[in-house]
Amino acid sequence: MTPDGSGEPDMLRDLMQAAKKMQSEVERVRDELSRRAIDGESGGGLVRCTVSGVGDVLSLAIDPAVGGMTGGDPTVNLKMIADLSVAAVNAALERAREVARAEMARVTGGVGLPPGMFGS
C-alpha cells in the first residue's frame, strides 16, 4: 500500500498518468495534422496535389500546358496526365507521412506505438 492509502503502487499510477497525457497529445497532433495542407508535385510543377496531414486528398491541379505536350495524341495525353497525377499524389502523401511520423515521434519521445494504439 502506498503512503496515500490508495493501494495502487506509485509507479503504476505514474505510468497511467503518462499514458493519458501521451494519448491526449497524440489526439491533439492528429487534429492538427487533419487541418494541415501538404503539397506534392510532378512534372516540374505541372501537376500539383495537396493532401491533409492525415492523407486526405484536398486538391489536384493540372497546368493547362500539359495538354499540348504530346503533339495532340489524346491517348498519350491521358496516359501522361494520369502518370503525372499519380506521381504528384504519391509525392504529397509521402510528405504527409513524413510530417506525421516526425510530429508523432516528437509527442511520443520517439517511442513507436503499436498499430491501433490511441486510435492510430
PDB file of N, CA and C in Angstrom:
ATOM      1  N   MET A   1       0.844  -1.169   0.000  1.00  0.00           N
ATOM      2  CA  MET A   1       0.000   0.000   0.000  1.00  0.00           C
ATOM      3  C   MET A   1       0.896   1.241   0.000  1.00  0.00           C
ATOM      4  N   THR A   2       0.473   2.270  -0.680  1.00  0.00           N
ATOM      5  CA  THR A   2       1.251   3.494  -0.760  1.00  0.00           C
ATOM      6  C   THR A   2       0.926   4.409   0.411  1.00  0.00           C
ATOM      7  N   PRO A   3       1.764   5.435   0.629  1.00  0.00           N
ATOM      8  CA  PRO A   3       1.506   6.347   1.746  1.00  0.00           C
ATOM      9  C   PRO A   3       0.134   7.020   1.690  1.00  0.00           C
ATOM     10  N   ASP A   4      -0.437   7.199   0.520  1.00  0.00           N
ATOM     11  CA  ASP A   4      -1.760   7.849   0.439  1.00  0.00           C
ATOM     12  C   ASP A   4      -2.896   6.874   0.715  1.00  0.00           C
ATOM     13  N   GLY A   5      -2.555   5.610   0.950  1.00  0.00           N
ATOM     14  CA  GLY A   5      -3.555   4.614   1.301  1.00  0.00           C
ATOM     15  C   GLY A   5      -4.371   4.110   0.131  1.00  0.00           C
ATOM     16  N   SER A   6      -3.982   4.447  -1.101  1.00  0.00           N
ATOM     17  CA  SER A   6      -4.795   4.049  -2.260  1.00  0.00           C
ATOM     18  C   SER A   6      -4.630   2.579  -2.609  1.00  0.00           C
ATOM     19  N   GLY A   7      -3.539   2.000  -2.209  1.00  0.00           N
ATOM     20  CA  GLY A   7      -3.302   0.608  -2.557  1.00  0.00           C
ATOM     21  C   GLY A   7      -2.729   0.458  -3.952  1.00  0.00           C
ATOM     22  N   GLU A   8      -2.677   1.529  -4.720  1.00  0.00           N
ATOM     23  CA  GLU A   8      -2.138   1.488  -6.078  1.00  0.00           C
ATOM     24  C   GLU A   8      -0.670   1.901  -6.025  1.00  0.00           C
ATOM     25  N   PRO A   9       0.209   1.087  -6.524  1.00  0.00           N
ATOM     26  CA  PRO A   9       1.627   1.453  -6.492  1.00  0.00           C
ATOM     27  C   PRO A   9       1.866   2.773  -7.239  1.00  0.00           C
ATOM     28  N   ASP A  10       2.745   3.590  -6.674  1.00  0.00           N
ATOM     29  CA  ASP A  10       3.046   4.894  -7.278  1.00  0.00           C
ATOM     30  C   ASP A  10       3.500   4.759  -8.721  1.00  0.00           C
ATOM     31  N   MET A  11       4.306   3.770  -9.001  1.00  0.00           N
ATOM     32  CA  MET A  11       4.843   3.609 -10.347  1.00  0.00           C
ATOM     33  C   MET A  11       3.725   3.325 -11.352  1.00  0.00           C
ATOM     34  N   LEU A  12       2.773   2.491 -10.992  1.00  0.00           N
ATOM     35  CA  LEU A  12       1.660   2.187 -11.885  1.00  0.00           C
ATOM     36  C   LEU A  12       0.800   3.427 -12.108  1.00  0.00           C
ATOM     37  N   ARG A  13       0.547   4.178 -11.036  1.00  0.00           N
ATOM     38  CA  ARG A  13      -0.246   5.403 -11.168  1.00  0.00           C
ATOM     39  C   ARG A  13       0.466   6.402 -12.078  1.00  0.00           C
ATOM     40  N   ASP A  14       1.778   6.553 -11.892  1.00  0.00           N
ATOM     41  CA  ASP A  14       2.558   7.468 -12.728  1.00  0.00           C
ATOM     42  C   ASP A  14       2.541   7.025 -14.189  1.00  0.00           C
ATOM     43  N   LEU A  15       2.633   5.717 -14.406  1.00  0.00           N
ATOM     44  CA  LEU A  15       2.594   5.180 -15.765  1.00  0.00           C
ATOM     45  C   LEU A  15       1.244   5.457 -16.420  1.00  0.00           C
ATOM     46  N   MET A  16       0.176   5.284 -15.680  1.00  0.00           N
ATOM     47  CA  MET A  16      -1.168   5.546 -16.219  1.00  0.00           C
ATOM     48  C   MET A  16      -1.338   7.033 -16.537  1.00  0.00           C
ATOM     49  N   GLN A  17      -0.824   7.903 -15.670  1.00  0.00           N
ATOM     50  CA  GLN A  17      -0.908   9.343 -15.924  1.00  0.00           C
ATOM     51  C   GLN A  17      -0.116   9.713 -17.165  1.00  0.00           C
ATOM     52  N   ALA A  18       1.068   9.137 -17.322  1.00  0.00           N
ATOM     53  CA  ALA A  18       1.893   9.407 -18.503  1.00  0.00           C
ATOM     54  C   ALA A  18       1.198   8.916 -19.769  1.00  0.00           C
ATOM     55  N   ALA A  19       0.565   7.762 -19.709  1.00  0.00           N
ATOM     56  CA  ALA A  19      -0.155   7.227 -20.871  1.00  0.00           C
ATOM     57  C   ALA A  19      -1.332   8.121 -21.240  1.00  0.00           C
ATOM     58  N   LYS A  20      -2.059   8.630 -20.245  1.00  0.00           N
ATOM     59  CA  LYS A  20      -3.184   9.533 -20.517  1.00  0.00           C
ATOM     60  C   LYS A  20      -2.694  10.828 -21.153  1.00  0.00           C
ATOM     61  N   LYS A  21      -1.574  11.340 -20.652  1.00  0.00           N
ATOM     62  CA  LYS A  21      -1.014  12.572 -21.218  1.00  0.00           C
ATOM     63  C   LYS A  21      -0.588  12.331 -22.666  1.00  0.00           C
ATOM     64  N   MET A  22       0.085  11.200 -22.910  1.00  0.00           N
ATOM     65  CA  MET A  22       0.518  10.884 -24.266  1.00  0.00           C
ATOM     66  C   MET A  22      -0.687  10.738 -25.190  1.00  0.00           C
ATOM     67  N   GLN A  23      -1.740  10.100 -24.710  1.00  0.00           N
ATOM     68  CA  GLN A  23      -2.940   9.921 -25.526  1.00  0.00           C
ATOM     69  C   GLN A  23      -3.537  11.269 -25.900  1.00  0.00           C
ATOM     70  N   SER A  24      -3.607  12.193 -24.972  1.00  0.00           N
ATOM     71  CA  SER A  24      -4.182  13.498 -25.301  1.00  0.00           C
ATOM     72  C   SER A  24      -3.279  14.262 -26.266  1.00  0.00           C
ATOM     73  N   GLU A  25      -1.971  14.114 -26.125  1.00  0.00           N
ATOM     74  CA  GLU A  25      -1.042  14.755 -27.054  1.00  0.00           C
ATOM     75  C   GLU A  25      -1.165  14.155 -28.457  1.00  0.00           C
ATOM     76  N   VAL A  26      -1.291  12.844 -28.543  1.00  0.00           N
ATOM     77  CA  VAL A  26      -1.462  12.183 -29.840  1.00  0.00           C
ATOM     78  C   VAL A  26      -2.756  12.667 -30.503  1.00  0.00           C
ATOM     79  N   GLU A  27      -3.821  12.780 -29.739  1.00  0.00           N
ATOM     80  CA  GLU A  27      -5.096  13.268 -30.288  1.00  0.00           C
ATOM     81  C   GLU A  27      -4.967  14.713 -30.767  1.00  0.00           C
ATOM     82  N   ARG A  28      -4.254  15.538 -30.003  1.00  0.00           N
ATOM     83  CA  ARG A  28      -4.050  16.931 -30.400  1.00  0.00           C
ATOM     84  C   ARG A  28      -3.264  17.006 -31.709  1.00  0.00           C
ATOM     85  N   VAL A  29      -2.200  16.207 -31.824  1.00  0.00           N
ATOM     86  CA  VAL A  29      -1.386  16.205 -33.042  1.00  0.00           C
ATOM     87  C   VAL A  29      -2.213  15.719 -34.230  1.00  0.00           C
ATOM     88  N   ARG A  30      -3.015  14.677 -34.034  1.00  0.00           N
ATOM     89  CA  ARG A  30      -3.881  14.185 -35.121  1.00  0.00           C
ATOM     90  C   ARG A  30      -4.822  15.277 -35.606  1.00  0.00           C
ATOM     91  N   ASP A  31      -5.400  16.012 -34.664  1.00  0.00           N
ATOM     92  CA  ASP A  31      -6.300  17.095 -35.024  1.00  0.00           C
ATOM     93  C   ASP A  31      -5.557  18.155 -35.834  1.00  0.00           C
ATOM     94  N   GLU A  32      -4.359  18.522 -35.385  1.00  0.00           N
ATOM     95  CA  GLU A  32      -3.554  19.499 -36.123  1.00  0.00           C
ATOM     96  C   GLU A  32      -3.207  18.986 -37.514  1.00  0.00           C
ATOM     97  N   LEU A  33      -2.838  17.713 -37.611  1.00  0.00           N
ATOM     98  CA  LEU A  33      -2.490  17.140 -38.908  1.00  0.00           C
ATOM     99  C   LEU A  33      -3.683  17.144 -39.860  1.00  0.00           C
ATOM    100  N   SER A  34      -4.873  16.915 -39.329  1.00  0.00           N
ATOM    101  CA  SER A  34      -6.055  16.873 -40.202  1.00  0.00           C
ATOM    102  C   SER A  34      -6.339  18.244 -40.817  1.00  0.00           C
ATOM    103  N   ARG A  35      -5.855  19.309 -40.165  1.00  0.00           N
ATOM    104  CA  ARG A  35      -6.084  20.658 -40.681  1.00  0.00           C
ATOM    105  C   ARG A  35      -4.897  21.196 -41.466  1.00  0.00           C
ATOM    106  N   ARG A  36      -3.855  20.418 -41.572  1.00  0.00           N
ATOM    107  CA  ARG A  36      -2.639  20.868 -42.258  1.00  0.00           C
ATOM    108  C   ARG A  36      -2.677  20.484 -43.734  1.00  0.00           C
ATOM    109  N   ALA A  37      -2.228  21.389 -44.595  1.00  0.00           N
ATOM    110  CA  ALA A  37      -2.176  21.125 -46.038  1.00  0.00           C
ATOM    111  C   ALA A  37      -0.721  20.902 -46.445  1.00  0.00           C
ATOM    112  N   ILE A  38      -0.483  19.791 -47.154  1.00  0.00           N
ATOM    113  CA  ILE A  38       0.866  19.415 -47.569  1.00  0.00           C
ATOM    114  C   ILE A  38       0.845  19.172 -49.076  1.00  0.00           C
ATOM    115  N   ASP A  39       1.802  19.768 -49.772  1.00  0.00           N
ATOM    116  CA  ASP A  39       1.829  19.723 -51.234  1.00  0.00           C
ATOM    117  C   ASP A  39       2.854  18.730 -51.768  1.00  0.00           C
ATOM    118  N   GLY A  40       2.537  18.210 -52.940  1.00  0.00           N
ATOM    119  CA  GLY A  40       3.454  17.391 -53.720  1.00  0.00           C
ATOM    120  C   GLY A  40       3.269  17.777 -55.171  1.00  0.00           C
ATOM    121  N   GLU A  41       4.280  17.543 -55.977  1.00  0.00           N
ATOM    122  CA  GLU A  41       4.166  17.898 -57.394  1.00  0.00           C
ATOM    123  C   GLU A  41       4.935  16.912 -58.251  1.00  0.00           C
ATOM    124  N   SER A  42       4.654  16.982 -59.537  1.00  0.00           N
ATOM    125  CA  SER A  42       5.383  16.169 -60.510  1.00  0.00           C
ATOM    126  C   SER A  42       5.486  16.964 -61.807  1.00  0.00           C
ATOM    127  N   GLY A  43       6.316  16.476 -62.702  1.00  0.00           N
ATOM    128  CA  GLY A  43       6.476  17.153 -63.989  1.00  0.00           C
ATOM    129  C   GLY A  43       6.986  18.571 -63.838  1.00  0.00           C
ATOM    130  N   GLY A  44       7.866  18.782 -62.871  1.00  0.00           N
ATOM    131  CA  GLY A  44       8.412  20.116 -62.666  1.00  0.00           C
ATOM    132  C   GLY A  44       7.358  21.130 -62.241  1.00  0.00           C
ATOM    133  N   GLY A  45       6.333  20.661 -61.554  1.00  0.00           N
ATOM    134  CA  GLY A  45       5.286  21.552 -61.069  1.00  0.00           C
ATOM    135  C   GLY A  45       4.071  21.633 -61.979  1.00  0.00           C
ATOM    136  N   LEU A  46       4.066  20.853 -63.057  1.00  0.00           N
ATOM    137  CA  LEU A  46       2.917  20.875 -63.965  1.00  0.00           C
ATOM    138  C   LEU A  46       1.674  20.264 -63.328  1.00  0.00           C
ATOM    139  N   VAL A  47       1.886  19.313 -62.430  1.00  0.00           N
ATOM    140  CA  VAL A  47       0.765  18.727 -61.693  1.00  0.00           C
ATOM    141  C   VAL A  47       1.085  18.860 -60.212  1.00  0.00           C
ATOM    142  N   ARG A  48       0.121  19.422 -59.475  1.00  0.00           N
ATOM    143  CA  ARG A  48       0.289  19.653 -58.036  1.00  0.00           C
ATOM    144  C   ARG A  48      -0.874  19.005 -57.289  1.00  0.00           C
ATOM    145  N   CYS A  49      -0.531  18.401 -56.165  1.00  0.00           N
ATOM    146  CA  CYS A  49      -1.538  17.775 -55.321  1.00  0.00           C
ATOM    147  C   CYS A  49      -1.367  18.293 -53.899  1.00  0.00           C
ATOM    148  N   THR A  50      -2.479  18.545 -53.237  1.00  0.00           N
ATOM    149  CA  THR A  50      -2.466  18.940 -51.837  1.00  0.00           C
ATOM    150  C   THR A  50      -3.247  17.897 -51.053  1.00  0.00           C
ATOM    151  N   VAL A  51      -2.632  17.428 -49.975  1.00  0.00           N
ATOM    152  CA  VAL A  51      -3.273  16.456 -49.085  1.00  0.00           C
ATOM    153  C   VAL A  51      -3.259  17.007 -47.665  1.00  0.00           C
ATOM    154  N   SER A  52      -4.128  16.463 -46.834  1.00  0.00           N
ATOM    155  CA  SER A  52      -4.096  16.824 -45.414  1.00  0.00           C
ATOM    156  C   SER A  52      -2.986  16.015 -44.752  1.00  0.00           C
ATOM    157  N   GLY A  53      -2.659  16.385 -43.528  1.00  0.00           N
ATOM    158  CA  GLY A  53      -1.638  15.658 -42.790  1.00  0.00           C
ATOM    159  C   GLY A  53      -2.036  14.245 -42.425  1.00  0.00           C
ATOM    160  N   VAL A  54      -3.321  13.907 -42.610  1.00  0.00           N
ATOM    161  CA  VAL A  54      -3.768  12.542 -42.351  1.00  0.00           C
ATOM    162  C   VAL A  54      -4.009  11.776 -43.654  1.00  0.00           C
ATOM    163  N   GLY A  55      -3.614  12.380 -44.788  1.00  0.00           N
ATOM    164  CA  GLY A  55      -3.646  11.657 -46.052  1.00  0.00           C
ATOM    165  C   GLY A  55      -4.877  11.825 -46.909  1.00  0.00           C
ATOM    166  N   ASP A  56      -5.762  12.750 -46.583  1.00  0.00           N
ATOM    167  CA  ASP A  56      -6.923  13.006 -47.443  1.00  0.00           C
ATOM    168  C   ASP A  56      -6.497  13.920 -48.590  1.00  0.00           C
ATOM    169  N   VAL A  57      -6.843  13.545 -49.827  1.00  0.00           N
ATOM    170  CA  VAL A  57      -6.527  14.397 -50.976  1.00  0.00           C
ATOM    171  C   VAL A  57      -7.471  15.591 -50.946  1.00  0.00           C
ATOM    172  N   LEU A  58      -6.884  16.792 -50.916  1.00  0.00           N
ATOM    173  CA  LEU A  58      -7.672  18.018 -50.859  1.00  0.00           C
ATOM    174  C   LEU A  58      -7.845  18.658 -52.231  1.00  0.00           C
ATOM    175  N   SER A  59      -6.796  18.585 -53.060  1.00  0.00           N
ATOM    176  CA  SER A  59      -6.905  19.166 -54.400  1.00  0.00           C
ATOM    177  C   SER A  59      -5.866  18.551 -55.331  1.00  0.00           C
ATOM    178  N   LEU A  60      -6.166  18.663 -56.614  1.00  0.00           N
ATOM    179  CA  LEU A  60      -5.267  18.216 -57.672  1.00  0.00           C
ATOM    180  C   LEU A  60      -5.367  19.247 -58.784  1.00  0.00           C
ATOM    181  N   ALA A  61      -4.256  19.871 -59.119  1.00  0.00           N
ATOM    182  CA  ALA A  61      -4.248  20.915 -60.147  1.00  0.00           C
ATOM    183  C   ALA A  61      -3.313  20.505 -61.277  1.00  0.00           C
ATOM    184  N   ILE A  62      -3.812  20.630 -62.509  1.00  0.00           N
ATOM    185  CA  ILE A  62      -3.037  20.273 -63.692  1.00  0.00           C
ATOM    186  C   ILE A  62      -2.873  21.519 -64.537  1.00  0.00           C
ATOM    187  N   ASP A  63      -1.631  21.876 -64.808  1.00  0.00           N
ATOM    188  CA  ASP A  63      -1.332  23.043 -65.622  1.00  0.00           C
ATOM    189  C   ASP A  63      -1.852  22.788 -67.043  1.00  0.00           C
ATOM    190  N   PRO A  64      -2.550  23.751 -67.630  1.00  0.00           N
ATOM    191  CA  PRO A  64      -3.069  23.558 -68.991  1.00  0.00           C
ATOM    192  C   PRO A  64      -1.977  23.259 -70.023  1.00  0.00           C
ATOM    193  N   ALA A  65      -0.735  23.617 -69.742  1.00  0.00           N
ATOM    194  CA  ALA A  65       0.359  23.343 -70.671  1.00  0.00           C
ATOM    195  C   ALA A  65       0.559  21.855 -70.894  1.00  0.00           C
ATOM    196  N   VAL A  66       0.127  21.026 -69.952  1.00  0.00           N
ATOM    197  CA  VAL A  66       0.284  19.576 -70.087  1.00  0.00           C
ATOM    198  C   VAL A  66      -0.462  19.085 -71.329  1.00  0.00           C
ATOM    199  N   GLY A  67      -1.593  19.668 -71.637  1.00  0.00           N
ATOM    200  CA  GLY A  67      -2.410  19.233 -72.773  1.00  0.00           C
ATOM    201  C   GLY A  67      -1.728  19.329 -74.120  1.00  0.00           C
ATOM    202  N   GLY A  68      -0.832  20.268 -74.306  1.00  0.00           N
ATOM    203  CA  GLY A  68      -0.176  20.438 -75.596  1.00  0.00           C
ATOM    204  C   GLY A  68       1.196  19.823 -75.685  1.00  0.00           C
ATOM    205  N   MET A  69       1.568  18.996 -74.735  1.00  0.00           N
ATOM    206  CA  MET A  69       2.935  18.485 -74.686  1.00  0.00           C
ATOM    207  C   MET A  69       3.186  17.235 -75.518  1.00  0.00           C
ATOM    208  N   THR A  70       2.167  16.609 -76.053  1.00  0.00           N
ATOM    209  CA  THR A  70       2.395  15.326 -76.737  1.00  0.00           C
ATOM    210  C   THR A  70       1.993  15.362 -78.210  1.00  0.00           C
ATOM    211  N   GLY A  71       1.918  16.518 -78.763  1.00  0.00           N
ATOM    212  CA  GLY A  71       1.615  16.614 -80.185  1.00  0.00           C
ATOM    213  C   GLY A  71       0.172  16.312 -80.527  1.00  0.00           C
ATOM    214  N   GLY A  72      -0.724  16.378 -79.566  1.00  0.00           N
ATOM    215  CA  GLY A  72      -2.143  16.230 -79.861  1.00  0.00           C
ATOM    216  C   GLY A  72      -2.694  14.819 -79.818  1.00  0.00           C
ATOM    217  N   ASP A  73      -1.891  13.809 -79.539  1.00  0.00           N
ATOM    218  CA  ASP A  73      -2.396  12.434 -79.436  1.00  0.00           C
ATOM    219  C   ASP A  73      -3.131  12.287 -78.104  1.00  0.00           C
ATOM    220  N   PRO A  74      -4.480  12.162 -78.129  1.00  0.00           N
ATOM    221  CA  PRO A  74      -5.244  12.128 -76.884  1.00  0.00           C
ATOM    222  C   PRO A  74      -4.905  10.934 -75.990  1.00  0.00           C
ATOM    223  N   THR A  75      -4.547   9.802 -76.582  1.00  0.00           N
ATOM    224  CA  THR A  75      -4.207   8.626 -75.782  1.00  0.00           C
ATOM    225  C   THR A  75      -2.952   8.880 -74.969  1.00  0.00           C
ATOM    226  N   VAL A  76      -1.947   9.452 -75.615  1.00  0.00           N
ATOM    227  CA  VAL A  76      -0.700   9.759 -74.926  1.00  0.00           C
ATOM    228  C   VAL A  76      -0.946  10.840 -73.876  1.00  0.00           C
ATOM    229  N   ASN A  77      -1.754  11.853 -74.216  1.00  0.00           N
ATOM    230  CA  ASN A  77      -2.077  12.921 -73.262  1.00  0.00           C
ATOM    231  C   ASN A  77      -2.706  12.358 -71.995  1.00  0.00           C
ATOM    232  N   LEU A  78      -3.716  11.504 -72.156  1.00  0.00           N
ATOM    233  CA  LEU A  78      -4.401  10.946 -70.991  1.00  0.00           C
ATOM    234  C   LEU A  78      -3.465  10.109 -70.138  1.00  0.00           C
ATOM    235  N   LYS A  79      -2.650   9.287 -70.787  1.00  0.00           N
ATOM    236  CA  LYS A  79      -1.697   8.448 -70.058  1.00  0.00           C
ATOM    237  C   LYS A  79      -0.693   9.312 -69.306  1.00  0.00           C
ATOM    238  N   MET A  80      -0.179  10.341 -69.964  1.00  0.00           N
ATOM    239  CA  MET A  80       0.799  11.209 -69.328  1.00  0.00           C
ATOM    240  C   MET A  80       0.164  11.972 -68.159  1.00  0.00           C
ATOM    241  N   ILE A  81      -1.045  12.477 -68.352  1.00  0.00           N
ATOM    242  CA  ILE A  81      -1.734  13.189 -67.275  1.00  0.00           C
ATOM    243  C   ILE A  81      -1.990  12.252 -66.092  1.00  0.00           C
ATOM    244  N   ALA A  82      -2.401  11.043 -66.383  1.00  0.00           N
ATOM    245  CA  ALA A  82      -2.635  10.065 -65.314  1.00  0.00           C
ATOM    246  C   ALA A  82      -1.338   9.770 -64.566  1.00  0.00           C
ATOM    247  N   ASP A  83      -0.259   9.542 -65.299  1.00  0.00           N
ATOM    248  CA  ASP A  83       1.030   9.243 -64.663  1.00  0.00           C
ATOM    249  C   ASP A  83       1.516  10.413 -63.802  1.00  0.00           C
ATOM    250  N   LEU A  84       1.417  11.626 -64.331  1.00  0.00           N
ATOM    251  CA  LEU A  84       1.836  12.803 -63.573  1.00  0.00           C
ATOM    252  C   LEU A  84       0.955  13.001 -62.334  1.00  0.00           C
ATOM    253  N   SER A  85      -0.332  12.715 -62.478  1.00  0.00           N
ATOM    254  CA  SER A  85      -1.254  12.861 -61.342  1.00  0.00           C
ATOM    255  C   SER A  85      -0.916  11.875 -60.238  1.00  0.00           C
ATOM    256  N   VAL A  86      -0.697  10.629 -60.617  1.00  0.00           N
ATOM    257  CA  VAL A  86      -0.336   9.604 -59.623  1.00  0.00           C
ATOM    258  C   VAL A  86       0.967   9.990 -58.928  1.00  0.00           C
ATOM    259  N   ALA A  87       1.937  10.464 -59.688  1.00  0.00           N
ATOM    260  CA  ALA A  87       3.220  10.854 -59.099  1.00  0.00           C
ATOM    261  C   ALA A  87       3.053  12.023 -58.128  1.00  0.00           C
ATOM    262  N   ALA A  88       2.228  13.004 -58.474  1.00  0.00           N
ATOM    263  CA  ALA A  88       2.010  14.157 -57.592  1.00  0.00           C
ATOM    264  C   ALA A  88       1.294  13.735 -56.309  1.00  0.00           C
ATOM    265  N   VAL A  89       0.280  12.878 -56.440  1.00  0.00           N
ATOM    266  CA  VAL A  89      -0.448  12.392 -55.263  1.00  0.00           C
ATOM    267  C   VAL A  89       0.503  11.601 -54.363  1.00  0.00           C
ATOM    268  N   ASN A  90       1.294  10.712 -54.949  1.00  0.00           N
ATOM    269  CA  ASN A  90       2.228   9.916 -54.148  1.00  0.00           C
ATOM    270  C   ASN A  90       3.269  10.794 -53.457  1.00  0.00           C
ATOM    271  N   ALA A  91       3.744  11.830 -54.140  1.00  0.00           N
ATOM    272  CA  ALA A  91       4.722  12.750 -53.532  1.00  0.00           C
ATOM    273  C   ALA A  91       4.095  13.467 -52.333  1.00  0.00           C
ATOM    274  N   ALA A  92       2.874  13.937 -52.490  1.00  0.00           N
ATOM    275  CA  ALA A  92       2.194  14.631 -51.392  1.00  0.00           C
ATOM    276  C   ALA A  92       1.935  13.685 -50.225  1.00  0.00           C
ATOM    277  N   LEU A  93       1.488  12.477 -50.513  1.00  0.00           N
ATOM    278  CA  LEU A  93       1.218  11.507 -49.456  1.00  0.00           C
ATOM    279  C   LEU A  93       2.487  11.121 -48.706  1.00  0.00           C
ATOM    280  N   GLU A  94       3.591  10.971 -49.416  1.00  0.00           N
ATOM    281  CA  GLU A  94       4.858  10.633 -48.766  1.00  0.00           C
ATOM    282  C   GLU A  94       5.291  11.766 -47.846  1.00  0.00           C
ATOM    283  N   ARG A  95       5.160  13.008 -48.305  1.00  0.00           N
ATOM    284  CA  ARG A  95       5.495  14.149 -47.442  1.00  0.00           C
ATOM    285  C   ARG A  95       4.589  14.176 -46.216  1.00  0.00           C
ATOM    286  N   ALA A  96       3.296  13.883 -46.403  1.00  0.00           N
ATOM    287  CA  ALA A  96       2.357  13.866 -45.275  1.00  0.00           C
ATOM    288  C   ALA A  96       2.754  12.790 -44.270  1.00  0.00           C
ATOM    289  N   ARG A  97       3.163  11.621 -44.757  1.00  0.00           N
ATOM    290  CA  ARG A  97       3.606  10.548 -43.854  1.00  0.00           C
ATOM    291  C   ARG A  97       4.848  10.974 -43.074  1.00  0.00           C
ATOM    292  N   GLU A  98       5.785  11.641 -43.762  1.00  0.00           N
ATOM    293  CA  GLU A  98       7.000  12.102 -43.091  1.00  0.00           C
ATOM    294  C   GLU A  98       6.666  13.118 -41.996  1.00  0.00           C
ATOM    295  N   VAL A  99       5.788  14.058 -42.307  1.00  0.00           N
ATOM    296  CA  VAL A  99       5.389  15.069 -41.324  1.00  0.00           C
ATOM    297  C   VAL A  99       4.697  14.391 -40.142  1.00  0.00           C
ATOM    298  N   ALA A 100       3.782  13.465 -40.422  1.00  0.00           N
ATOM    299  CA  ALA A 100       3.057  12.774 -39.351  1.00  0.00           C
ATOM    300  C   ALA A 100       4.014  11.974 -38.474  1.00  0.00           C
ATOM    301  N   ARG A 101       4.961  11.261 -39.095  1.00  0.00           N
ATOM    302  CA  ARG A 101       5.948  10.488 -38.321  1.00  0.00           C
ATOM    303  C   ARG A 101       6.754  11.410 -37.404  1.00  0.00           C
ATOM    304  N   ALA A 102       7.208  12.531 -37.943  1.00  0.00           N
ATOM    305  CA  ALA A 102       8.017  13.463 -37.155  1.00  0.00           C
ATOM    306  C   ALA A 102       7.210  14.047 -35.995  1.00  0.00           C
ATOM    307  N   GLU A 103       5.964  14.422 -36.257  1.00  0.00           N
ATOM    308  CA  GLU A 103       5.127  15.002 -35.203  1.00  0.00           C
ATOM    309  C   GLU A 103       4.812  13.966 -34.122  1.00  0.00           C
ATOM    310  N   MET A 104       4.505  12.755 -34.539  1.00  0.00           N
ATOM    311  CA  MET A 104       4.201  11.704 -33.554  1.00  0.00           C
ATOM    312  C   MET A 104       5.444  11.336 -32.741  1.00  0.00           C
ATOM    313  N   ALA A 105       6.603  11.300 -33.389  1.00  0.00           N
ATOM    314  CA  ALA A 105       7.844  10.995 -32.659  1.00  0.00           C
ATOM    315  C   ALA A 105       8.124  12.078 -31.624  1.00  0.00           C
ATOM    316  N   ARG A 106       7.789  13.318 -31.977  1.00  0.00           N
ATOM    317  CA  ARG A 106       8.001  14.424 -31.044  1.00  0.00           C
ATOM    318  C   ARG A 106       7.152  14.247 -29.781  1.00  0.00           C
ATOM    319  N   VAL A 107       5.876  13.861 -29.948  1.00  0.00           N
ATOM    320  CA  VAL A 107       4.995  13.727 -28.776  1.00  0.00           C
ATOM    321  C   VAL A 107       5.213  12.429 -28.021  1.00  0.00           C
ATOM    322  N   THR A 108       5.651  11.400 -28.692  1.00  0.00           N
ATOM    323  CA  THR A 108       5.832  10.109 -28.018  1.00  0.00           C
ATOM    324  C   THR A 108       7.272   9.904 -27.555  1.00  0.00           C
ATOM    325  N   GLY A 109       8.119  10.895 -27.804  1.00  0.00           N
ATOM    326  CA  GLY A 109       9.522  10.748 -27.407  1.00  0.00           C
ATOM    327  C   GLY A 109      10.242   9.713 -28.241  1.00  0.00           C
ATOM    328  N   GLY A 110       9.756   9.482 -29.454  1.00  0.00           N
ATOM    329  CA  GLY A 110      10.382   8.520 -30.348  1.00  0.00           C
ATOM    330  C   GLY A 110       9.963   7.083 -30.119  1.00  0.00           C
ATOM    331  N   VAL A 111       9.074   6.864 -29.156  1.00  0.00           N
ATOM    332  CA  VAL A 111       8.604   5.509 -28.878  1.00  0.00           C
ATOM    333  C   VAL A 111       7.599   5.132 -29.955  1.00  0.00           C
ATOM    334  N   GLY A 112       7.883   4.086 -30.701  1.00  0.00           N
ATOM    335  CA  GLY A 112       6.943   3.623 -31.714  1.00  0.00           C
ATOM    336  C   GLY A 112       5.721   3.012 -31.051  1.00  0.00           C
ATOM    337  N   LEU A 113       4.559   3.457 -31.468  1.00  0.00           N
ATOM    338  CA  LEU A 113       3.329   2.915 -30.893  1.00  0.00           C
ATOM    339  C   LEU A 113       2.804   1.788 -31.762  1.00  0.00           C
ATOM    340  N   PRO A 114       2.285   0.739 -31.161  1.00  0.00           N
ATOM    341  CA  PRO A 114       1.709  -0.353 -31.943  1.00  0.00           C
ATOM    342  C   PRO A 114       0.502   0.155 -32.728  1.00  0.00           C
ATOM    343  N   PRO A 115       0.256  -0.420 -33.922  1.00  0.00           N
ATOM    344  CA  PRO A 115      -0.919  -0.023 -34.688  1.00  0.00           C
ATOM    345  C   PRO A 115      -2.175  -0.167 -33.836  1.00  0.00           C
ATOM    346  N   GLY A 116      -3.041   0.834 -33.906  1.00  0.00           N
ATOM    347  CA  GLY A 116      -4.294   0.798 -33.157  1.00  0.00           C
ATOM    348  C   GLY A 116      -4.202   1.465 -31.794  1.00  0.00           C
ATOM    349  N   MET A 117      -2.989   1.712 -31.321  1.00  0.00           N
ATOM    350  CA  MET A 117      -2.862   2.364 -30.008  1.00  0.00           C
ATOM    351  C   MET A 117      -3.231   3.824 -30.136  1.00  0.00           C
ATOM    352  N   PHE A 118      -4.109   4.280 -29.277  1.00  0.00           N
ATOM    353  CA  PHE A 118      -4.602   5.659 -29.289  1.00  0.00           C
ATOM    354  C   PHE A 118      -5.271   5.972 -30.612  1.00  0.00           C
ATOM    355  N   GLY A 119      -5.878   4.987 -31.251  1.00  0.00           N
ATOM    356  CA  GLY A 119      -6.636   5.232 -32.482  1.00  0.00           C
ATOM    357  C   GLY A 119      -5.792   5.295 -33.729  1.00  0.00           C
ATOM    358  N   SER A 120      -4.495   4.975 -33.649  1.00  0.00           N
ATOM    359  CA  SER A 120      -3.653   5.062 -34.853  1.00  0.00           C
ATOM    360  C   SER A 120      -3.769   3.834 -35.701  1.00  0.00           C
TER     361      SER A 120
END
